[in-house]
């Protein structure tokens, strides 16, 4: 399997393996540094290993957490090995003061974290060990080592949708596409070079050309499926997957064009327990409080900057009506980033290089400081920390009439950050909004505390690398 599903969220298996390797190497790097600095005798070192391990585990844990937050392992696909290692350096640097703070809080438990020279040396050694290991791991196994061979049954509209949306390397990181098998009387919309000519049966074909999965992407199942052949293939150990489920797993979004209300009803997910509700609210309050404490200096500086640019009588904040849980309307609060008369002619989409944005506003938008007052919305319960971004009522009315299932995003509280914000850039038109809805529906369908934590951690990457900001 190229994916592991943890708490209903799909995680690429090589990321998990690389993460475990990185963790073990960082523990080793810390141990080696301590050995040469404080011990020198192997037997004396092994006798004191139980006292060393807590510090080594905390050191490795903080570094791994920062690497997840900065998207280190995913960056291998987008930025290559150099981008991956650059982000690793940033994660190691950020982790040093965190480890030092842990020593100050519990010095009796983490003796070895109190020396900056120790942490720096361990980080440098860990960086080189991880670089060597990653080079060997990726080079020896190859890019196709964890990929499944996938055959698609169908060559019509749904199959074309799969092919177009999943043809990029980023979306096809978990599988290799063998080809498409058209059904009789099906209108073929796939290029001929991607079609498979199977003279006998599917079962005979997969015996000669083994595949791991058959994806059923047929436009109209009422015209009949080769159920007997599919059953035989399943008995041979081949996994049979519905096209919409396959699309969701590989792209981590829901295919609007491929799903129906029946699929939403009978597919797994969309289940929220009372325990999750309590846990999510606790996480919201904790995360919002920590962000408030950390962001308070930035908020004060931002308020002063807005006053300096626009005058002492200019407003610092602005409020706007947004649609929240179950369609209820509430007021969201932000730092003002546009001119006071920005919407004198009515509501319009924000756009790239918007002339209404002030100089201060342009900066605070890029680094997401303008969103910080929404901490109040999280604390008063009108918003969650993680969820779909809230939209204005006038736009919700327009989009609900044009985009299927758009109103389903109001089944959960809107959020300060969300899955769509991590995966897609700023939406300033209907088509972009449609794409972001695919990610929002994935989050609503698969929401869990693990996914919330992952989104919160990786939001750091959004802020630092201005991903999705405008």
Protein backbone atom coordinates (compact mmCIF):
# COMPACT_ATOMS: atom_id res chain seq x y z
CA UNK A 1 0.00 0.00 0.00
CA UNK A 2 1.29 3.46 -0.91
CA UNK A 3 -1.10 5.10 1.57
CA UNK A 4 -1.88 4.45 5.22
CA UNK A 5 -5.19 5.72 6.58
CA UNK A 6 -4.90 7.09 10.11
CA UNK A 7 -8.12 8.36 11.71
CA UNK A 8 -9.72 8.55 8.23
CA UNK A 9 -6.94 10.71 6.75
CA UNK A 10 -4.70 9.30 4.00
CA UNK A 11 -0.96 9.63 4.56
CA UNK A 12 1.60 8.60 1.94
CA UNK A 13 3.55 5.57 3.23
CA UNK A 14 7.04 6.79 2.19
CA UNK A 15 6.48 9.92 4.30
CA UNK A 16 5.87 7.75 7.36
CA UNK A 17 8.96 5.64 6.68
CA UNK A 18 11.17 8.69 6.08
CA UNK A 19 9.77 10.30 9.22
CA UNK A 20 10.67 7.24 11.32
CA UNK A 21 14.15 7.10 9.77
CA UNK A 22 14.67 10.82 10.49
CA UNK A 23 13.53 10.35 14.09
CA UNK A 24 15.90 7.44 14.72
CA UNK A 25 18.84 9.23 13.08
CA UNK A 26 18.24 12.33 15.19
CA UNK A 27 18.20 10.19 18.35
CA UNK A 28 21.48 8.61 17.21
CA UNK A 29 23.02 11.99 16.38
CA UNK A 30 22.15 13.30 19.84
CA UNK A 31 23.54 10.15 21.48
CA UNK A 32 26.81 10.31 19.54
CA UNK A 33 27.26 13.99 20.45
CA UNK A 34 26.67 13.32 24.14
CA UNK A 35 29.00 10.32 24.07
CA UNK A 36 32.00 12.26 22.76
CA UNK A 37 31.27 15.32 24.90
CA UNK A 38 30.54 13.72 28.28
CA UNK A 39 31.49 10.03 28.21
CA UNK A 40 34.12 8.55 25.93
CA UNK A 41 33.75 5.14 27.52
CA UNK A 42 31.23 2.85 25.87
CA UNK A 43 30.31 0.83 28.95
CA UNK A 44 29.82 3.95 31.07
CA UNK A 45 27.70 5.40 28.27
CA UNK A 46 25.42 2.34 27.99
CA UNK A 47 24.96 2.22 31.78
CA UNK A 48 23.64 5.80 31.71
CA UNK A 49 21.55 5.36 28.55
CA UNK A 50 18.20 5.45 30.44
CA UNK A 51 19.05 8.96 31.68
CA UNK A 52 20.04 10.10 28.18
CA UNK A 53 17.03 8.75 26.27
CA UNK A 54 14.41 11.30 27.45
CA UNK A 55 16.57 14.17 26.19
CA UNK A 56 17.31 12.36 22.91
CA UNK A 57 13.63 11.59 22.30
CA UNK A 58 12.57 15.20 23.02
CA UNK A 59 15.32 16.51 20.72
CA UNK A 60 14.27 14.20 17.89
CA UNK A 61 10.56 14.79 18.54
CA UNK A 62 10.79 18.58 18.34
CA UNK A 63 12.82 18.40 15.14
CA UNK A 64 10.39 15.96 13.54
CA UNK A 65 7.46 18.16 14.56
CA UNK A 66 9.08 21.19 12.93
CA UNK A 67 9.83 19.19 9.78
CA UNK A 68 6.16 18.21 9.55
CA UNK A 69 5.16 21.84 10.11
CA UNK A 70 7.44 23.02 7.29
CA UNK A 71 6.34 20.28 4.90
CA UNK A 72 9.85 18.81 4.60
CA UNK A 73 8.92 15.40 3.22
CA UNK A 74 6.25 16.66 0.84
CA UNK A 75 8.66 19.26 -0.54
CA UNK A 76 10.68 16.44 -2.15
CA UNK A 77 8.04 16.34 -4.90
CA UNK A 78 7.71 20.11 -5.38
CA UNK A 79 11.20 21.48 -4.67
CA UNK A 80 13.45 18.44 -5.13
CA UNK A 81 16.15 17.25 -2.73
CA UNK A 82 17.66 20.73 -2.36
CA UNK A 83 14.32 22.21 -1.24
CA UNK A 84 13.81 19.29 1.12
CA UNK A 85 17.19 19.84 2.79
CA UNK A 86 16.73 23.62 2.96
CA UNK A 87 13.50 23.19 4.87
CA UNK A 88 15.24 20.65 7.09
CA UNK A 89 17.85 23.27 8.04
CA UNK A 90 15.07 25.70 8.96
CA UNK A 91 13.33 23.07 11.09
CA UNK A 92 16.57 22.22 12.93
CA UNK A 93 17.25 25.90 13.68
CA UNK A 94 13.73 26.51 15.01
CA UNK A 95 13.92 23.40 17.21
CA UNK A 96 17.03 24.52 19.14
CA UNK A 97 15.29 27.18 21.29
CA UNK A 98 12.33 24.83 21.81
CA UNK A 99 14.65 22.20 23.24
CA UNK A 100 16.32 24.83 25.42
CA UNK A 101 12.93 25.92 26.75
CA UNK A 102 12.12 22.29 27.63
CA UNK A 103 15.31 22.16 29.72
CA UNK A 104 14.30 25.31 31.60
CA UNK A 105 10.87 23.84 32.37
CA UNK A 106 12.08 20.36 33.44
CA UNK A 107 15.86 20.43 33.93
CA UNK A 108 15.75 17.33 36.19
CA UNK A 109 14.46 15.22 33.31
CA UNK A 110 16.28 16.74 30.35
CA UNK A 111 19.82 17.38 31.58
CA UNK A 112 21.47 17.22 28.19
CA UNK A 113 19.23 19.82 26.50
CA UNK A 114 20.67 22.73 28.47
CA UNK A 115 23.79 23.32 26.37
CA UNK A 116 23.44 25.25 23.13
CA UNK A 117 26.70 23.77 21.82
CA UNK A 118 25.29 20.27 22.40
CA UNK A 119 22.08 21.05 20.53
CA UNK A 120 23.88 22.75 17.65
CA UNK A 121 26.38 19.91 17.20
CA UNK A 122 23.59 17.32 17.35
CA UNK A 123 21.59 19.26 14.76
CA UNK A 124 24.52 19.53 12.36
CA UNK A 125 25.34 15.82 12.72
CA UNK A 126 21.67 14.92 12.34
CA UNK A 127 21.41 17.02 9.18
CA UNK A 128 24.27 15.15 7.50
CA UNK A 129 22.99 11.73 8.63
CA UNK A 130 19.48 12.48 7.32
CA UNK A 131 20.89 13.78 4.03
CA UNK A 132 22.85 10.57 3.48
CA UNK A 133 19.92 8.37 4.51
CA UNK A 134 17.47 10.18 2.25
CA UNK A 135 19.81 9.97 -0.71
CA UNK A 136 20.25 6.22 -0.19
CA UNK A 137 16.56 5.61 0.55
CA UNK A 138 15.20 7.49 -2.46
CA UNK A 139 18.01 6.39 -4.78
CA UNK A 140 17.98 2.66 -3.95
CA UNK A 141 14.22 2.18 -3.89
CA UNK A 142 13.50 4.46 -6.84
CA UNK A 143 10.53 6.72 -7.38
CA UNK A 144 8.21 3.80 -8.20
CA UNK A 145 9.06 1.63 -5.19
CA UNK A 146 5.89 2.38 -3.25
CA UNK A 147 3.59 2.95 -6.19
CA UNK A 148 0.70 0.66 -7.04
CA UNK A 149 -0.13 -0.42 -10.59
CA UNK A 150 -3.64 0.80 -11.34
CA UNK A 151 -5.98 -0.18 -14.17
CA UNK A 152 -9.10 1.93 -14.82
CA UNK A 153 -12.29 0.23 -15.96
CA UNK A 154 -14.07 2.78 -18.11
CA UNK A 155 -12.99 5.33 -20.71
CA UNK A 156 -15.80 7.89 -20.66
CA UNK A 157 -16.34 11.19 -18.89
CA UNK A 158 -15.50 9.97 -15.37
CA UNK A 159 -12.37 8.22 -16.56
CA UNK A 160 -11.27 11.37 -18.38
CA UNK A 161 -11.88 13.39 -15.19
CA UNK A 162 -9.61 11.01 -13.27
CA UNK A 163 -6.95 11.14 -15.94
CA UNK A 164 -6.91 14.94 -16.19
CA UNK A 165 -6.98 15.70 -12.47
CA UNK A 166 -4.49 13.03 -11.39
CA UNK A 167 -1.95 13.27 -14.19
CA UNK A 168 0.42 15.66 -12.37
CA UNK A 169 3.37 14.08 -10.47
CA UNK A 170 2.08 15.64 -7.23
CA UNK A 171 -1.25 13.81 -7.49
CA UNK A 172 0.20 10.64 -8.98
CA UNK A 173 2.78 10.06 -6.26
CA UNK A 174 1.02 6.89 -5.04
CA UNK A 175 0.34 4.97 -8.25
CA UNK A 176 1.32 4.23 -11.83
CA UNK A 177 -1.50 4.17 -14.36
CA UNK A 178 -1.45 1.07 -16.56
CA UNK A 179 -4.27 2.17 -18.83
CA UNK A 180 -8.03 2.39 -19.43
CA UNK A 181 -10.35 -0.44 -20.43
CA UNK A 182 -13.45 0.85 -22.32
CA UNK A 183 -16.77 -0.93 -21.89
CA UNK A 184 -18.96 -1.92 -24.85
CA UNK A 185 -21.25 0.88 -26.07
CA UNK A 186 -19.41 3.43 -23.91
CA UNK A 187 -18.55 6.78 -25.44
CA UNK A 188 -14.76 6.89 -25.31
CA UNK A 189 -13.22 10.19 -24.18
CA UNK A 190 -9.71 8.90 -23.45
CA UNK A 191 -6.87 9.28 -25.94
CA UNK A 192 -6.29 6.06 -27.87
CA UNK A 193 -2.69 5.72 -26.67
CA UNK A 194 -3.94 5.26 -23.09
CA UNK A 195 -6.48 2.55 -23.97
CA UNK A 196 -5.83 -1.14 -23.31
CA UNK A 197 -6.84 -3.82 -25.77
CA UNK A 198 -7.89 -6.88 -23.76
CA UNK A 199 -8.77 -9.71 -26.15
CA UNK A 200 -9.97 -12.17 -23.48
CA UNK A 201 -10.98 -11.36 -19.90
CA UNK A 202 -9.74 -9.02 -17.17
CA UNK A 203 -8.70 -12.03 -15.11
CA UNK A 204 -6.46 -13.41 -17.85
CA UNK A 205 -4.98 -9.96 -18.47
CA UNK A 206 -3.98 -9.35 -14.84
CA UNK A 207 -2.41 -12.80 -14.61
CA UNK A 208 -0.04 -11.84 -17.44
CA UNK A 209 0.22 -8.16 -16.48
CA UNK A 210 -0.20 -7.96 -12.67
CA UNK A 211 -1.94 -4.89 -11.25
CA UNK A 212 -2.70 -3.94 -7.65
CA UNK A 213 -6.00 -2.13 -8.17
CA UNK A 214 -8.84 -1.85 -10.61
CA UNK A 215 -10.63 1.51 -10.44
CA UNK A 216 -14.25 1.44 -11.60
CA UNK A 217 -14.90 4.79 -13.33
CA UNK A 218 -17.94 4.01 -15.48
CA UNK A 219 -20.36 6.77 -16.41
CA UNK A 220 -23.55 4.67 -16.27
CA UNK A 221 -23.48 1.46 -14.25
CA UNK A 222 -27.05 0.68 -15.26
CA UNK A 223 -25.70 -0.47 -18.61
CA UNK A 224 -23.95 -3.26 -16.77
CA UNK A 225 -20.56 -4.05 -15.29
CA UNK A 226 -18.52 -7.23 -15.87
CA UNK A 227 -19.28 -8.28 -12.28
CA UNK A 228 -18.13 -11.88 -12.77
CA UNK A 229 -14.75 -10.73 -14.11
CA UNK A 230 -14.36 -8.18 -11.32
CA UNK A 231 -15.15 -10.85 -8.74
CA UNK A 232 -12.56 -13.17 -10.26
CA UNK A 233 -9.98 -10.37 -10.15
CA UNK A 234 -10.82 -9.69 -6.50
CA UNK A 235 -10.32 -13.39 -5.73
CA UNK A 236 -6.89 -13.07 -7.36
CA UNK A 237 -5.98 -10.43 -4.75
CA UNK A 238 -6.65 -7.33 -6.84
CA UNK A 239 -8.35 -4.49 -4.99
CA UNK A 240 -11.53 -3.11 -6.61
CA UNK A 241 -12.05 0.61 -5.91
CA UNK A 242 -14.83 3.01 -6.84
CA UNK A 243 -13.62 5.93 -8.96
CA UNK A 244 -14.81 8.63 -6.54
CA UNK A 245 -13.14 6.91 -3.56
CA UNK A 246 -9.92 6.48 -5.55
CA UNK A 247 -9.95 10.17 -6.51
CA UNK A 248 -10.49 11.18 -2.88
CA UNK A 249 -7.65 9.00 -1.62
CA UNK A 250 -5.09 10.10 -4.18
CA UNK A 251 -5.86 13.83 -4.34
CA UNK A 252 -7.18 14.36 -0.77
CA UNK A 253 -10.23 16.14 -2.14
CA UNK A 254 -13.73 15.16 -3.26
CA UNK A 255 -14.55 14.97 -6.96
CA UNK A 256 -17.66 17.14 -7.31
CA UNK A 257 -18.33 15.92 -10.84
CA UNK A 258 -18.17 12.25 -9.82
CA UNK A 259 -20.22 12.18 -6.63
CA UNK A 260 -23.96 12.04 -6.04
CA UNK A 261 -26.11 12.44 -2.95
CA UNK A 262 -26.25 8.64 -2.84
CA UNK A 263 -22.46 8.45 -2.67
CA UNK A 264 -22.42 11.01 0.15
CA UNK A 265 -25.04 9.00 2.03
CA UNK A 266 -23.42 5.58 1.72
CA UNK A 267 -19.72 6.45 1.80
CA UNK A 268 -17.85 6.32 5.07
CA UNK A 269 -17.12 9.55 6.93
CA UNK A 270 -19.33 12.52 7.85
CA UNK A 271 -19.59 10.99 11.35
CA UNK A 272 -18.83 13.20 14.35
CA UNK A 273 -18.91 11.84 17.90
CA UNK A 274 -19.57 13.82 21.07
CA UNK A 275 -16.03 12.96 22.22
CA UNK A 276 -14.63 14.56 19.06
CA UNK A 277 -16.79 17.64 19.64
CA UNK A 278 -15.41 18.13 23.15
CA UNK A 279 -11.86 17.42 21.98
CA UNK A 280 -12.15 19.83 19.05
CA UNK A 281 -13.49 22.65 21.22
CA UNK A 282 -10.69 22.09 23.73
CA UNK A 283 -8.14 22.16 20.90
CA UNK A 284 -9.73 25.35 19.53
CA UNK A 285 -9.47 27.17 22.86
CA UNK A 286 -5.91 25.95 23.50
CA UNK A 287 -4.64 26.82 20.02
CA UNK A 288 -6.39 30.22 20.01
CA UNK A 289 -5.00 31.12 23.45
CA UNK A 290 -1.45 30.16 22.47
CA UNK A 291 -1.75 32.11 19.21
CA UNK A 292 -3.10 35.13 21.09
CA UNK A 293 -0.14 35.12 23.48
CA UNK A 294 2.39 34.61 20.67
CA UNK A 295 0.76 37.11 18.31
CA UNK A 296 -0.01 39.93 20.74
CA UNK A 297 3.22 41.90 19.96
CA UNK A 298 2.50 41.60 16.21
CA UNK A 299 -1.06 42.77 16.74
CA UNK A 300 0.11 45.87 18.64
CA UNK A 301 2.67 46.74 15.95
CA UNK A 302 0.03 46.22 13.24
CA UNK A 303 -2.42 48.54 15.00
CA UNK A 304 0.25 51.26 15.23
CA UNK A 305 1.22 50.80 11.55
CA UNK A 306 -2.40 51.16 10.40
CA UNK A 307 -2.75 54.38 12.42
CA UNK A 308 0.54 55.76 11.04
CA UNK A 309 -0.49 55.09 7.42
CA UNK A 310 -4.16 56.15 7.56
CA UNK A 311 -4.27 58.65 10.44
CA UNK A 312 -5.28 58.60 14.08
CA UNK A 313 -9.00 58.66 13.25
CA UNK A 314 -8.77 55.62 10.97
CA UNK A 315 -10.28 52.37 12.22
CA UNK A 316 -7.89 49.51 13.04
CA UNK A 317 -10.38 46.67 12.70
CA UNK A 318 -13.30 45.98 10.46
CA UNK A 319 -16.14 43.53 10.85
CA UNK A 320 -18.07 41.76 8.16
CA UNK A 321 -21.02 39.39 8.06
CA UNK A 322 -20.11 35.81 7.22
CA UNK A 323 -22.06 32.55 7.02
CA UNK A 324 -21.24 30.02 9.73
CA UNK A 325 -22.50 26.72 11.15
CA UNK A 326 -25.86 25.61 9.70
CA UNK A 327 -26.10 28.81 7.66
CA UNK A 328 -26.21 31.17 10.65
CA UNK A 329 -24.77 34.64 10.04
CA UNK A 330 -22.12 36.08 12.36
CA UNK A 331 -19.59 38.91 12.34
CA UNK A 332 -15.95 38.12 11.60
CA UNK A 333 -13.19 40.49 12.73
CA UNK A 334 -9.96 41.37 10.91
CA UNK A 335 -7.32 44.05 10.80
CA UNK A 336 -8.35 46.54 8.14
CA UNK A 337 -6.19 45.93 5.06
CA UNK A 338 -8.18 47.97 2.52
CA UNK A 339 -9.14 51.60 2.18
CA UNK A 340 -12.09 52.69 4.30
CA UNK A 341 -14.22 53.22 1.16
CA UNK A 342 -13.17 49.91 -0.44
CA UNK A 343 -16.74 48.65 -0.90
CA UNK A 344 -18.69 51.85 -1.41
CA UNK A 345 -20.13 50.31 -4.60
CA UNK A 346 -21.00 46.95 -3.00
CA UNK A 347 -19.32 43.60 -2.32
CA UNK A 348 -16.80 42.37 -4.88
CA UNK A 349 -14.26 39.51 -4.94
CA UNK A 350 -10.78 40.28 -3.66
CA UNK A 351 -8.27 39.87 -6.48
CA UNK A 352 -4.55 39.78 -7.15
CA UNK A 353 -2.86 43.21 -6.97
CA UNK A 354 -6.13 44.68 -5.64
CA UNK A 355 -5.85 48.49 -5.84
CA UNK A 356 -8.02 48.86 -2.73
CA UNK A 357 -5.37 47.25 -0.49
CA UNK A 358 -3.19 49.64 1.53
CA UNK A 359 0.59 49.28 1.87
CA UNK A 360 0.28 47.97 5.41
CA UNK A 361 -2.61 45.80 4.31
CA UNK A 362 -0.56 44.24 1.53
CA UNK A 363 2.09 43.14 4.02
CA UNK A 364 -0.23 41.86 6.75
CA UNK A 365 -2.19 39.88 4.16
CA UNK A 366 0.95 38.15 2.89
CA UNK A 367 1.94 36.97 6.36
CA UNK A 368 -1.68 36.40 7.50
CA UNK A 369 -1.49 38.93 10.35
CA UNK A 370 -4.80 40.43 9.20
CA UNK A 371 -6.54 37.21 10.31
CA UNK A 372 -5.33 37.36 13.94
CA UNK A 373 -8.40 39.24 15.34
CA UNK A 374 -10.42 36.16 14.40
CA UNK A 375 -8.95 34.59 17.52
CA UNK A 376 -11.88 36.35 19.22
CA UNK A 377 -14.30 34.50 16.93
CA UNK A 378 -12.68 31.19 17.88
CA UNK A 379 -12.85 31.94 21.61
CA UNK A 380 -16.51 33.05 21.47
CA UNK A 381 -17.45 29.87 19.58
CA UNK A 382 -18.68 31.34 16.28
CA UNK A 383 -15.62 29.87 14.53
CA UNK A 384 -13.32 26.90 15.04
CA UNK A 385 -9.55 27.03 14.69
CA UNK A 386 -9.74 24.54 11.79
CA UNK A 387 -12.55 24.49 9.25
CA UNK A 388 -13.67 25.90 5.89
CA UNK A 389 -13.11 29.65 5.53
CA UNK A 390 -16.37 31.59 6.09
CA UNK A 391 -17.83 33.43 3.11
CA UNK A 392 -20.09 36.47 2.84
CA UNK A 393 -23.87 35.88 2.59
CA UNK A 394 -24.17 37.55 -0.81
CA UNK A 395 -21.49 35.27 -2.28
CA UNK A 396 -22.89 32.18 -0.52
CA UNK A 397 -26.27 32.77 -2.15
CA UNK A 398 -24.68 33.10 -5.60
CA UNK A 399 -22.33 30.12 -5.21
CA UNK A 400 -24.96 27.79 -3.72
CA UNK A 401 -27.08 28.30 -6.84
CA UNK A 402 -24.18 27.48 -9.19
CA UNK A 403 -21.99 24.92 -7.41
CA UNK A 404 -23.40 21.54 -6.31
CA UNK A 405 -23.04 20.68 -2.60
CA UNK A 406 -21.70 24.15 -1.77
CA UNK A 407 -24.09 24.48 1.18
CA UNK A 408 -22.62 21.29 2.70
CA UNK A 409 -19.57 23.26 3.83
CA UNK A 410 -21.78 24.88 6.47
CA UNK A 411 -22.25 21.54 8.25
CA UNK A 412 -19.23 22.47 10.42
CA UNK A 413 -18.01 25.69 11.99
CA UNK A 414 -15.86 27.85 9.72
CA UNK A 415 -12.19 28.02 10.66
CA UNK A 416 -9.26 30.36 11.05
CA UNK A 417 -7.26 27.92 8.93
CA UNK A 418 -8.31 24.86 6.97
CA UNK A 419 -7.46 21.98 4.65
CA UNK A 420 -8.29 24.05 1.56
CA UNK A 421 -5.95 26.84 2.70
CA UNK A 422 -3.10 24.33 2.94
CA UNK A 423 -3.76 22.70 -0.41
CA UNK A 424 -4.94 25.51 -2.69
CA UNK A 425 -4.18 29.15 -3.34
CA UNK A 426 -6.48 32.08 -2.71
CA UNK A 427 -9.91 31.80 -4.37
CA UNK A 428 -11.03 34.95 -6.18
CA UNK A 429 -13.54 33.54 -8.66
CA UNK A 430 -16.19 30.87 -9.02
CA UNK A 431 -13.89 28.18 -10.49
CA UNK A 432 -11.31 28.61 -7.72
CA UNK A 433 -14.12 28.42 -5.16
CA UNK A 434 -15.32 25.18 -6.77
CA UNK A 435 -11.81 23.74 -6.40
CA UNK A 436 -11.55 24.82 -2.76
CA UNK A 437 -14.94 23.20 -2.08
CA UNK A 438 -13.44 19.86 -3.13
CA UNK A 439 -10.90 20.21 -0.31
CA UNK A 440 -13.49 21.50 2.17
CA UNK A 441 -15.71 18.48 1.54
CA UNK A 442 -12.73 16.18 2.08
CA UNK A 443 -12.13 17.81 5.46
CA UNK A 444 -15.81 17.61 6.47
CA UNK A 445 -15.97 13.97 5.40
CA UNK A 446 -12.75 12.92 7.17
CA UNK A 447 -12.50 15.35 10.09
CA UNK A 448 -10.67 14.10 13.16
CA UNK A 449 -8.43 15.52 15.87
CA UNK A 450 -5.40 14.09 14.03
CA UNK A 451 -6.33 15.96 10.84
CA UNK A 452 -6.98 19.14 12.85
CA UNK A 453 -3.56 18.88 14.50
CA UNK A 454 -1.90 18.21 11.14
CA UNK A 455 -3.56 21.29 9.62
CA UNK A 456 -2.57 23.50 12.58
CA UNK A 457 1.05 22.33 12.39
CA UNK A 458 1.31 22.73 8.62
CA UNK A 459 -0.26 26.19 8.74
CA UNK A 460 3.24 27.27 9.82
CA UNK A 461 4.36 26.40 6.27
CA UNK A 462 1.56 28.54 4.81
CA UNK A 463 2.66 31.54 6.86
CA UNK A 464 6.41 31.16 6.30
CA UNK A 465 6.21 30.43 2.56
CA UNK A 466 3.16 32.66 1.84
CA UNK A 467 1.34 29.67 0.35
CA UNK A 468 -2.21 30.63 -0.57
CA UNK A 469 -1.92 34.21 0.65
CA UNK A 470 -2.96 37.22 -1.37
